[in-house]
C-alpha atoms as a PDB file:
ATOM      1  CA  MET A   1       0.000   0.000   0.000  1.00  0.00           C
ATOM      2  CA  GLN A   2       1.236   3.479  -0.908  1.00  0.00           C
ATOM      3  CA  LEU A   3       0.841   6.587   1.255  1.00  0.00           C
ATOM      4  CA  LYS A   4       0.047   9.882  -0.502  1.00  0.00           C
ATOM      5  CA  LEU A   5       0.304  13.151   1.447  1.00  0.00           C
ATOM      6  CA  PHE A   6      -1.650  16.263   0.524  1.00  0.00           C
ATOM      7  CA  LYS A   7      -1.058  19.946   1.184  1.00  0.00           C
ATOM      8  CA  THR A   8      -4.073  21.772   2.599  1.00  0.00           C
ATOM      9  CA  LEU A   9      -5.141  25.114   1.138  1.00  0.00           C
ATOM     10  CA  TRP A  10      -6.828  26.015   4.445  1.00  0.00           C
ATOM     11  CA  GLY A  11      -5.123  29.224   5.539  1.00  0.00           C
ATOM     12  CA  PHE A  12      -3.095  29.527   2.335  1.00  0.00           C
ATOM     13  CA  ASP A  13      -3.450  33.026   0.862  1.00  0.00           C
ATOM     14  CA  GLY A  14      -1.411  32.671  -2.334  1.00  0.00           C
ATOM     15  CA  SER A  15      -2.447  31.907  -5.892  1.00  0.00           C
ATOM     16  CA  TYR A  16      -2.863  28.449  -7.400  1.00  0.00           C
ATOM     17  CA  VAL A  17       0.574  28.890  -8.955  1.00  0.00           C
ATOM     18  CA  ASP A  18       2.021  29.580  -5.497  1.00  0.00           C
ATOM     19  CA  ALA A  19       0.185  26.618  -3.979  1.00  0.00           C
ATOM     20  CA  ILE A  20       1.529  24.276  -6.652  1.00  0.00           C
ATOM     21  CA  ALA A  21       5.085  25.549  -6.125  1.00  0.00           C
ATOM     22  CA  HIS A  22       4.801  25.097  -2.347  1.00  0.00           C
ATOM     23  CA  ALA A  23       3.387  21.577  -2.691  1.00  0.00           C
ATOM     24  CA  ILE A  24       6.223  20.492  -4.987  1.00  0.00           C
ATOM     25  CA  LYS A  25       8.932  22.095  -2.864  1.00  0.00           C
ATOM     26  CA  GLN A  26       7.565  20.498   0.301  1.00  0.00           C
ATOM     27  CA  GLY A  27       7.292  17.041  -1.239  1.00  0.00           C
ATOM     28  CA  TYR A  28       3.528  16.602  -1.228  1.00  0.00           C
ATOM     29  CA  ASP A  29       1.779  14.286  -3.668  1.00  0.00           C
ATOM     30  CA  GLY A  30      -1.147  16.634  -4.172  1.00  0.00           C
ATOM     31  CA  ILE A  31      -3.366  19.417  -2.876  1.00  0.00           C
ATOM     32  CA  GLU A  32      -6.599  19.365  -0.894  1.00  0.00           C
ATOM     33  CA  GLY A  33      -8.735  22.466  -1.026  1.00  0.00           C
ATOM     34  CA  PRO A  34     -12.068  24.088  -1.851  1.00  0.00           C
ATOM     35  CA  VAL A  35     -13.580  23.873  -5.305  1.00  0.00           C
ATOM     36  CA  PRO A  36     -12.826  26.952  -7.447  1.00  0.00           C
ATOM     37  CA  GLU A  37     -15.722  29.382  -7.717  1.00  0.00           C
ATOM     38  CA  THR A  38     -15.783  29.647 -11.519  1.00  0.00           C
ATOM     39  CA  ILE A  39     -15.310  27.385 -14.538  1.00  0.00           C
ATOM     40  CA  GLU A  40     -12.365  29.549 -15.645  1.00  0.00           C
ATOM     41  CA  GLN A  41     -10.604  29.131 -12.282  1.00  0.00           C
ATOM     42  CA  ALA A  42     -11.271  25.387 -12.385  1.00  0.00           C
ATOM     43  CA  GLU A  43      -9.711  25.131 -15.845  1.00  0.00           C
ATOM     44  CA  GLN A  44      -6.625  27.066 -14.737  1.00  0.00           C
ATOM     45  CA  PHE A  45      -6.209  24.942 -11.606  1.00  0.00           C
ATOM     46  CA  SER A  46      -6.756  21.733 -13.562  1.00  0.00           C
ATOM     47  CA  ASP A  47      -4.054  22.664 -16.081  1.00  0.00           C
ATOM     48  CA  LEU A  48      -1.564  23.470 -13.306  1.00  0.00           C
ATOM     49  CA  LEU A  49      -2.231  20.196 -11.487  1.00  0.00           C
ATOM     50  CA  SER A  50      -1.854  18.205 -14.700  1.00  0.00           C
ATOM     51  CA  GLN A  51       1.332  19.982 -15.793  1.00  0.00           C
ATOM     52  CA  ASN A  52       2.940  19.298 -12.404  1.00  0.00           C
ATOM     53  CA  GLU A  53       1.529  15.753 -12.004  1.00  0.00           C
ATOM     54  CA  LEU A  54      -0.148  16.549  -8.701  1.00  0.00           C
ATOM     55  CA  HIS A  55      -3.288  14.909  -7.342  1.00  0.00           C
ATOM     56  CA  TYR A  56      -6.303  16.845  -6.086  1.00  0.00           C
ATOM     57  CA  ILE A  57      -8.806  16.182  -3.290  1.00  0.00           C
ATOM     58  CA  ALA A  58     -11.800  18.497  -3.572  1.00  0.00           C
ATOM     59  CA  GLU A  59     -13.212  19.926  -0.363  1.00  0.00           C
ATOM     60  CA  VAL A  60     -16.923  20.732  -0.333  1.00  0.00           C
ATOM     61  CA  ALA A  61     -18.624  22.268   2.719  1.00  0.00           C
ATOM     62  CA  THR A  62     -22.334  22.098   1.905  1.00  0.00           C
ATOM     63  CA  THR A  63     -24.051  25.496   2.066  1.00  0.00           C
ATOM     64  CA  GLY A  64     -20.615  26.976   1.500  1.00  0.00           C
ATOM     65  CA  THR A  65     -19.356  27.552   5.026  1.00  0.00           C
ATOM     66  CA  TYR A  66     -17.517  25.454   7.590  1.00  0.00           C
ATOM     67  CA  VAL A  67     -20.302  26.053  10.115  1.00  0.00           C
ATOM     68  CA  PRO A  68     -23.664  25.279   8.470  1.00  0.00           C
ATOM     69  CA  ASP A  69     -26.734  27.445   8.581  1.00  0.00           C
ATOM     70  CA  ARG A  70     -28.968  25.246  10.743  1.00  0.00           C
ATOM     71  CA  LYS A  71     -32.135  26.615   9.146  1.00  0.00           C
ATOM     72  CA  LEU A  72     -31.303  25.203   5.716  1.00  0.00           C
ATOM     73  CA  SER A  73     -32.917  22.012   4.467  1.00  0.00           C
ATOM     74  CA  VAL A  74     -31.599  18.733   3.119  1.00  0.00           C
ATOM     75  CA  GLU A  75     -32.532  19.895  -0.375  1.00  0.00           C
ATOM     76  CA  GLU A  76     -30.593  23.152  -0.003  1.00  0.00           C
ATOM     77  CA  HIS A  77     -27.464  21.318   1.146  1.00  0.00           C
ATOM     78  CA  LEU A  78     -27.814  18.903  -1.757  1.00  0.00           C
ATOM     79  CA  HIS A  79     -28.298  21.764  -4.221  1.00  0.00           C
ATOM     80  CA  TYR A  80     -25.016  23.332  -3.115  1.00  0.00           C
ATOM     81  CA  LEU A  81     -23.168  20.050  -3.690  1.00  0.00           C
ATOM     82  CA  LYS A  82     -24.703  19.703  -7.161  1.00  0.00           C
ATOM     83  CA  GLU A  83     -23.521  23.202  -8.087  1.00  0.00           C
ATOM     84  CA  ARG A  84     -19.942  22.355  -7.096  1.00  0.00           C
ATOM     85  CA  LEU A  85     -19.970  19.244  -9.282  1.00  0.00           C
ATOM     86  CA  GLU A  86     -19.999  21.368 -12.439  1.00  0.00           C
ATOM     87  CA  CYS A  87     -16.491  22.678 -11.722  1.00  0.00           C
ATOM     88  CA  LEU A  88     -15.342  19.274 -10.485  1.00  0.00           C
ATOM     89  CA  LYS A  89     -16.136  17.684 -13.840  1.00  0.00           C
ATOM     90  CA  ILE A  90     -13.239  19.778 -15.142  1.00  0.00           C
ATOM     91  CA  LEU A  91     -10.874  19.107 -12.244  1.00  0.00           C
ATOM     92  CA  LYS A  92     -11.483  15.333 -12.016  1.00  0.00           C
ATOM     93  CA  PRO A  93     -10.436  15.047  -8.340  1.00  0.00           C
ATOM     94  CA  ASP A  94      -9.222  11.822  -6.793  1.00  0.00           C
ATOM     95  CA  PHE A  95     -12.346  12.175  -4.656  1.00  0.00           C
ATOM     96  CA  ILE A  96     -14.476  14.728  -2.815  1.00  0.00           C
ATOM     97  CA  THR A  97     -14.171  15.147   0.928  1.00  0.00           C
ATOM     98  CA  CYS A  98     -17.399  16.656   2.191  1.00  0.00           C
ATOM     99  CA  LEU A  99     -18.318  18.579   5.309  1.00  0.00           C
ATOM    100  CA  GLY A 100     -21.900  17.563   4.831  1.00  0.00           C
ATOM    101  CA  GLY A 101     -25.241  18.332   6.375  1.00  0.00           C
ATOM    102  CA  CYS A 102     -25.937  19.602   9.865  1.00  0.00           C
ATOM    103  CA  ASP A 103     -25.547  18.349  13.431  1.00  0.00           C
ATOM    104  CA  ALA A 104     -29.078  19.551  14.310  1.00  0.00           C
ATOM    105  CA  TRP A 105     -30.762  17.266  11.774  1.00  0.00           C
ATOM    106  CA  SER A 106     -32.646  14.128  12.681  1.00  0.00           C
ATOM    107  CA  GLU A 107     -30.845  10.943  11.773  1.00  0.00           C
ATOM    108  CA  SER A 108     -33.486  10.210   9.137  1.00  0.00           C
ATOM    109  CA  ASP A 109     -32.714  13.552   7.441  1.00  0.00           C
ATOM    110  CA  SER A 110     -28.993  12.798   7.678  1.00  0.00           C
ATOM    111  CA  VAL A 111     -29.454   9.405   6.021  1.00  0.00           C
ATOM    112  CA  LYS A 112     -31.605  11.018   3.314  1.00  0.00           C
ATOM    113  CA  PHE A 113     -28.983  13.656   2.522  1.00  0.00           C
ATOM    114  CA  LEU A 114     -26.051  11.248   2.528  1.00  0.00           C
ATOM    115  CA  THR A 115     -27.834   8.724   0.303  1.00  0.00           C
ATOM    116  CA  LEU A 116     -28.887  11.381  -2.216  1.00  0.00           C
ATOM    117  CA  ALA A 117     -25.415  12.974  -2.169  1.00  0.00           C
ATOM    118  CA  MET A 118     -23.695   9.646  -2.822  1.00  0.00           C
ATOM    119  CA  ASP A 119     -26.095   8.880  -5.682  1.00  0.00           C
ATOM    120  CA  GLU A 120     -25.536  12.295  -7.267  1.00  0.00           C
ATOM    121  CA  VAL A 121     -21.758  12.036  -7.080  1.00  0.00           C
ATOM    122  CA  GLU A 122     -21.809   8.488  -8.457  1.00  0.00           C
ATOM    123  CA  ARG A 123     -23.905   9.651 -11.423  1.00  0.00           C
ATOM    124  CA  ASN A 124     -21.085  12.071 -12.176  1.00  0.00           C
ATOM    125  CA  ASN A 125     -18.473   9.281 -12.012  1.00  0.00           C
ATOM    126  CA  MET A 126     -16.808  10.606  -8.854  1.00  0.00           C
ATOM    127  CA  GLN A 127     -16.276   9.392  -5.302  1.00  0.00           C
ATOM    128  CA  ILE A 128     -17.204  11.153  -2.072  1.00  0.00           C
ATOM    129  CA  SER A 129     -16.067  10.788   1.532  1.00  0.00           C
ATOM    130  CA  PHE A 130     -17.807  12.523   4.448  1.00  0.00           C
ATOM    131  CA  GLU A 131     -15.795  14.167   7.222  1.00  0.00           C
ATOM    132  CA  THR A 132     -16.149  13.588  10.953  1.00  0.00           C
ATOM    133  CA  HIS A 133     -16.477  17.307  11.651  1.00  0.00           C
ATOM    134  CA  ARG A 134     -18.098  19.419  14.365  1.00  0.00           C
ATOM    135  CA  GLY A 135     -21.300  21.104  13.229  1.00  0.00           C
ATOM    136  CA  ARG A 136     -21.912  18.402  10.609  1.00  0.00           C
ATOM    137  CA  ILE A 137     -23.694  15.053  10.478  1.00  0.00           C
ATOM    138  CA  PHE A 138     -20.717  13.104  11.812  1.00  0.00           C
ATOM    139  CA  PHE A 139     -19.958  15.452  14.703  1.00  0.00           C
ATOM    140  CA  ASN A 140     -19.655  12.686  17.306  1.00  0.00           C
ATOM    141  CA  PRO A 141     -18.860   8.954  17.306  1.00  0.00           C
ATOM    142  CA  TRP A 142     -22.266   7.718  18.480  1.00  0.00           C
ATOM    143  CA  VAL A 143     -24.295   9.386  15.729  1.00  0.00           C
ATOM    144  CA  THR A 144     -21.658   8.358  13.195  1.00  0.00           C
ATOM    145  CA  GLU A 145     -21.848   4.725  14.204  1.00  0.00           C
ATOM    146  CA  ARG A 146     -25.655   4.638  13.990  1.00  0.00           C
ATOM    147  CA  VAL A 147     -25.791   6.375  10.607  1.00  0.00           C
ATOM    148  CA  VAL A 148     -23.004   4.261   9.088  1.00  0.00           C
ATOM    149  CA  LYS A 149     -24.860   1.104  10.116  1.00  0.00           C
ATOM    150  CA  LYS A 150     -27.715   2.328   7.917  1.00  0.00           C
ATOM    151  CA  ILE A 151     -25.363   3.176   5.009  1.00  0.00           C
ATOM    152  CA  PRO A 152     -22.531   0.622   5.320  1.00  0.00           C
ATOM    153  CA  GLU A 153     -21.093   1.497   1.884  1.00  0.00           C
ATOM    154  CA  ILE A 154     -20.342   5.090   2.931  1.00  0.00           C
ATOM    155  CA  LYS A 155     -16.775   6.467   3.024  1.00  0.00           C
ATOM    156  CA  LEU A 156     -15.442   8.571   5.901  1.00  0.00           C
ATOM    157  CA  THR A 157     -12.803  11.279   6.078  1.00  0.00           C
ATOM    158  CA  CYS A 158     -11.493  10.677   9.575  1.00  0.00           C
ATOM    159  CA  ASP A 159     -10.613  13.789  11.545  1.00  0.00           C
ATOM    160  CA  PHE A 160     -10.651  12.542  15.111  1.00  0.00           C
ATOM    161  CA  SER A 161      -9.422  15.905  16.438  1.00  0.00           C
ATOM    162  CA  HIS A 162     -13.083  17.011  16.301  1.00  0.00           C
ATOM    163  CA  TRP A 163     -14.271  14.050  18.342  1.00  0.00           C
ATOM    164  CA  SER A 164     -11.477  14.577  20.873  1.00  0.00           C
ATOM    165  CA  VAL A 165     -12.969  17.883  21.959  1.00  0.00           C
ATOM    166  CA  VAL A 166     -16.639  16.929  21.495  1.00  0.00           C
ATOM    167  CA  CYS A 167     -16.140  13.928  23.795  1.00  0.00           C
ATOM    168  CA  GLU A 168     -13.670  15.722  26.102  1.00  0.00           C
ATOM    169  CA  GLY A 169     -11.236  12.940  25.317  1.00  0.00           C
ATOM    170  CA  LEU A 170     -11.874   9.659  23.518  1.00  0.00           C
ATOM    171  CA  GLN A 171     -12.113   6.785  25.993  1.00  0.00           C
ATOM    172  CA  GLU A 172     -12.166   3.035  25.375  1.00  0.00           C
ATOM    173  CA  THR A 173     -15.876   3.112  24.527  1.00  0.00           C
ATOM    174  CA  GLU A 174     -15.302   5.670  21.770  1.00  0.00           C
ATOM    175  CA  GLU A 175     -12.189   3.844  20.583  1.00  0.00           C
ATOM    176  CA  ASP A 176     -14.356   0.747  20.171  1.00  0.00           C
ATOM    177  CA  ILE A 177     -16.549   2.809  17.850  1.00  0.00           C
ATOM    178  CA  ILE A 178     -13.497   3.900  15.839  1.00  0.00           C
ATOM    179  CA  LYS A 179     -12.626   0.231  15.405  1.00  0.00           C
ATOM    180  CA  SER A 180     -16.168  -0.554  14.251  1.00  0.00           C
ATOM    181  CA  LEU A 181     -15.915   2.225  11.633  1.00  0.00           C
ATOM    182  CA  LEU A 182     -12.596   1.099  10.134  1.00  0.00           C
ATOM    183  CA  PRO A 183     -14.265  -0.547   7.086  1.00  0.00           C
ATOM    184  CA  SER A 184     -15.597   2.925   6.167  1.00  0.00           C
ATOM    185  CA  ALA A 185     -12.358   4.842   6.831  1.00  0.00           C
ATOM    186  CA  TRP A 186     -11.193   6.309   3.518  1.00  0.00           C
ATOM    187  CA  HIS A 187      -9.118   9.462   4.101  1.00  0.00           C
ATOM    188  CA  ILE A 188      -7.351  11.003   7.120  1.00  0.00           C
ATOM    189  CA  HIS A 189      -7.033  14.610   8.212  1.00  0.00           C
ATOM    190  CA  GLY A 190      -3.792  14.668  10.164  1.00  0.00           C
ATOM    191  CA  ARG A 191      -4.608  17.090  12.931  1.00  0.00           C
ATOM    192  CA  VAL A 192      -4.212  16.457  16.659  1.00  0.00           C
ATOM    193  CA  GLY A 193      -6.928  17.446  19.100  1.00  0.00           C
ATOM    194  CA  TYR A 194      -7.050  17.235  22.863  1.00  0.00           C
ATOM    195  CA  ASP A 195      -9.664  17.085  25.613  1.00  0.00           C
ATOM    196  CA  GLN A 196     -10.441  20.819  25.524  1.00  0.00           C
ATOM    197  CA  GLY A 197      -9.730  21.736  21.926  1.00  0.00           C
ATOM    198  CA  PRO A 198      -9.683  20.458  18.334  1.00  0.00           C
ATOM    199  CA  GLN A 199      -6.080  21.520  17.685  1.00  0.00           C
ATOM    200  CA  VAL A 200      -3.145  21.321  20.095  1.00  0.00           C
ATOM    201  CA  PRO A 201      -1.039  24.514  20.001  1.00  0.00           C
ATOM    202  CA  ASP A 202       2.005  22.601  18.744  1.00  0.00           C
ATOM    203  CA  PRO A 203       2.210  18.803  18.251  1.00  0.00           C
ATOM    204  CA  ARG A 204       6.024  19.030  18.442  1.00  0.00           C
ATOM    205  CA  SER A 205       5.828  20.028  22.105  1.00  0.00           C
ATOM    206  CA  SER A 206       6.413  17.381  24.786  1.00  0.00           C
ATOM    207  CA  VAL A 207       3.295  18.745  26.518  1.00  0.00           C
ATOM    208  CA  TYR A 208       1.127  17.209  23.772  1.00  0.00           C
ATOM    209  CA  GLN A 209       2.985  13.965  23.075  1.00  0.00           C
ATOM    210  CA  HIS A 210       0.263  11.850  24.631  1.00  0.00           C
ATOM    211  CA  ASP A 211      -2.347  13.431  22.353  1.00  0.00           C
ATOM    212  CA  LEU A 212      -0.113  13.014  19.303  1.00  0.00           C
ATOM    213  CA  GLN A 213       0.531   9.365  20.077  1.00  0.00           C
ATOM    214  CA  ARG A 214      -3.177   8.617  20.502  1.00  0.00           C
ATOM    215  CA  HIS A 215      -4.007  10.095  17.096  1.00  0.00           C
ATOM    216  CA  GLN A 216      -1.086   8.227  15.538  1.00  0.00           C
ATOM    217  CA  LYS A 217      -2.485   5.017  17.001  1.00  0.00           C
ATOM    218  CA  TRP A 218      -5.891   5.665  15.389  1.00  0.00           C
ATOM    219  CA  TRP A 219      -4.280   6.469  12.035  1.00  0.00           C
ATOM    220  CA  GLU A 220      -2.331   3.240  12.266  1.00  0.00           C
ATOM    221  CA  TRP A 221      -5.552   1.282  12.836  1.00  0.00           C
ATOM    222  CA  ILE A 222      -6.918   2.772   9.605  1.00  0.00           C
ATOM    223  CA  TRP A 223      -3.829   1.893   7.587  1.00  0.00           C
ATOM    224  CA  LEU A 224      -3.777  -1.682   8.838  1.00  0.00           C
ATOM    225  CA  ALA A 225      -7.480  -2.131   8.081  1.00  0.00           C
ATOM    226  CA  GLN A 226      -7.039  -0.692   4.580  1.00  0.00           C
ATOM    227  CA  HIS A 227      -4.058  -2.956   3.957  1.00  0.00           C
ATOM    228  CA  GLU A 228      -6.072  -5.945   5.165  1.00  0.00           C
ATOM    229  CA  ASN A 229      -8.733  -4.998   2.602  1.00  0.00           C
ATOM    230  CA  ALA A 230      -6.092  -4.867  -0.157  1.00  0.00           C
ATOM    231  CA  GLN A 231      -6.412  -1.103  -0.637  1.00  0.00           C
ATOM    232  CA  GLN A 232      -3.597   0.115  -2.878  1.00  0.00           C
ATOM    233  CA  ILE A 233      -3.395   3.779  -1.825  1.00  0.00           C
ATOM    234  CA  THR A 234      -4.079   5.604   1.440  1.00  0.00           C
ATOM    235  CA  THR A 235      -4.257   9.389   1.718  1.00  0.00           C
ATOM    236  CA  LEU A 236      -3.627  11.900   4.495  1.00  0.00           C
ATOM    237  CA  THR A 237      -3.758  15.693   4.592  1.00  0.00           C
ATOM    238  CA  SER A 238      -1.763  17.493   7.297  1.00  0.00           C
ATOM    239  CA  GLU A 239      -4.391  19.953   8.468  1.00  0.00           C
ATOM    240  CA  PHE A 240      -3.351  22.324  11.231  1.00  0.00           C
ATOM    241  CA  GLY A 241      -5.066  25.600  10.435  1.00  0.00           C
ATOM    242  CA  PRO A 242      -5.966  29.178  11.405  1.00  0.00           C
ATOM    243  CA  ASP A 243      -9.425  30.698  12.107  1.00  0.00           C
ATOM    244  CA  GLY A 244      -9.181  30.653  15.888  1.00  0.00           C
ATOM    245  CA  TYR A 245      -7.310  27.339  16.002  1.00  0.00           C
ATOM    246  CA  GLU A 246      -3.701  28.473  15.908  1.00  0.00           C
ATOM    247  CA  TYR A 247      -1.690  29.453  18.988  1.00  0.00           C
ATOM    248  CA  ARG A 248      -1.519  33.263  19.309  1.00  0.00           C
ATOM    249  CA  ASP A 249      -0.062  35.896  21.589  1.00  0.00           C
ATOM    250  CA  LEU A 250      -2.801  36.963  24.015  1.00  0.00           C
ATOM    251  CA  LEU A 251      -1.939  40.673  23.922  1.00  0.00           C
ATOM    252  CA  GLU A 252      -1.108  41.304  20.274  1.00  0.00           C
ATOM    253  CA  GLY A 253      -2.872  38.376  18.613  1.00  0.00           C
ATOM    254  CA  ARG A 254       0.156  37.466  16.499  1.00  0.00           C
ATOM    255  CA  PRO A 255       0.727  33.799  15.624  1.00  0.00           C
ATOM    256  CA  LEU A 256       3.272  32.026  17.826  1.00  0.00           C
ATOM    257  CA  VAL A 257       3.675  29.035  15.507  1.00  0.00           C
ATOM    258  CA  ASP A 258       4.168  28.594  11.764  1.00  0.00           C
ATOM    259  CA  LEU A 259       1.301  26.396  10.546  1.00  0.00           C
ATOM    260  CA  ASP A 260       3.108  25.499   7.332  1.00  0.00           C
ATOM    261  CA  GLU A 261       6.085  24.226   9.340  1.00  0.00           C
ATOM    262  CA  ILE A 262       3.791  22.235  11.621  1.00  0.00           C
ATOM    263  CA  ASN A 263       1.986  20.611   8.693  1.00  0.00           C
ATOM    264  CA  GLN A 264       5.314  19.664   7.110  1.00  0.00           C
ATOM    265  CA  TRP A 265       6.484  18.234  10.436  1.00  0.00           C
ATOM    266  CA  VAL A 266       3.291  16.176  10.772  1.00  0.00           C
ATOM    267  CA  GLY A 267       3.760  14.901   7.225  1.00  0.00           C
ATOM    268  CA  ASN A 268       7.328  13.799   7.971  1.00  0.00           C
ATOM    269  CA  GLU A 269       6.210  12.056  11.174  1.00  0.00           C
ATOM    270  CA  VAL A 270       3.442  10.294   9.260  1.00  0.00           C
ATOM    271  CA  ARG A 271       5.867   9.094   6.566  1.00  0.00           C
ATOM    272  CA  THR A 272       8.183   7.681   9.228  1.00  0.00           C
ATOM    273  CA  GLN A 273       5.340   5.981  11.076  1.00  0.00           C
ATOM    274  CA  PHE A 274       3.937   4.489   7.879  1.00  0.00           C
ATOM    275  CA  ARG A 275       7.318   3.129   6.779  1.00  0.00           C
ATOM    276  CA  LYS A 276       7.752   1.364  10.122  1.00  0.00           C
ATOM    277  CA  LEU A 277       4.521  -0.553   9.548  1.00  0.00           C
ATOM    278  CA  ASP A 278       6.108  -2.159   6.459  1.00  0.00           C
ATOM    279  CA  ILE A 279       2.760  -2.698   4.712  1.00  0.00           C
ATOM    280  CA  HIS A 280       3.833  -1.945   1.144  1.00  0.00           C
END
């Protein structure tokens, strides 16, 4: 099995040309980021990815924001996804990772949205994976487990940093749920959460080694399960980001860490960990 690492565009302010240059320089296999807003932007991005032989994971947050409008319906969330598919036909992503739906929905509405979304994406000859993200359908392990039992063919983008803070620490009971979900685990967001937050200030610090090691253990479970199922490629995006997550000076508000450096460090740690498993 081969590991492919992706550079996140979350918090990246440069152009597509800059993003491509950074990804190549930093040794990533591809880029994960939002779908371009226009057909013209999609064509430009597609050409750059192709010319530089980089992969692309498309990120779609239904209704267009990371925190959903809880008044919007299943149909409105689905409509937003359908609109994004027009640009994605040009980009031909490896797959879509979706922050889908809303945590306030009933489980029947969640199942309805997910089923319709999967059908729509399949009709367009693409694949979709749904993220375990706060504010969305899969915001905690218990709801996720119940919904996945109703849609066993679903794929999950596993970002357990969200569950770490929602659950105030994942205990054995929640780890048992992670194990039950391994057949659905498709993609990993390599961020480290802790009991009181979705992103530790700096995973390189000895203060957060326990949290880092727990996430590494969960990632390893996913890789071993994928290898057991004869999966040829596994993907991970190092995803430490801004927007209230990053460690800042309390008086001046200036960043105290370089997120790009942290994401590169996480990627290097992941490569080392994966090689030690010897599951090629």
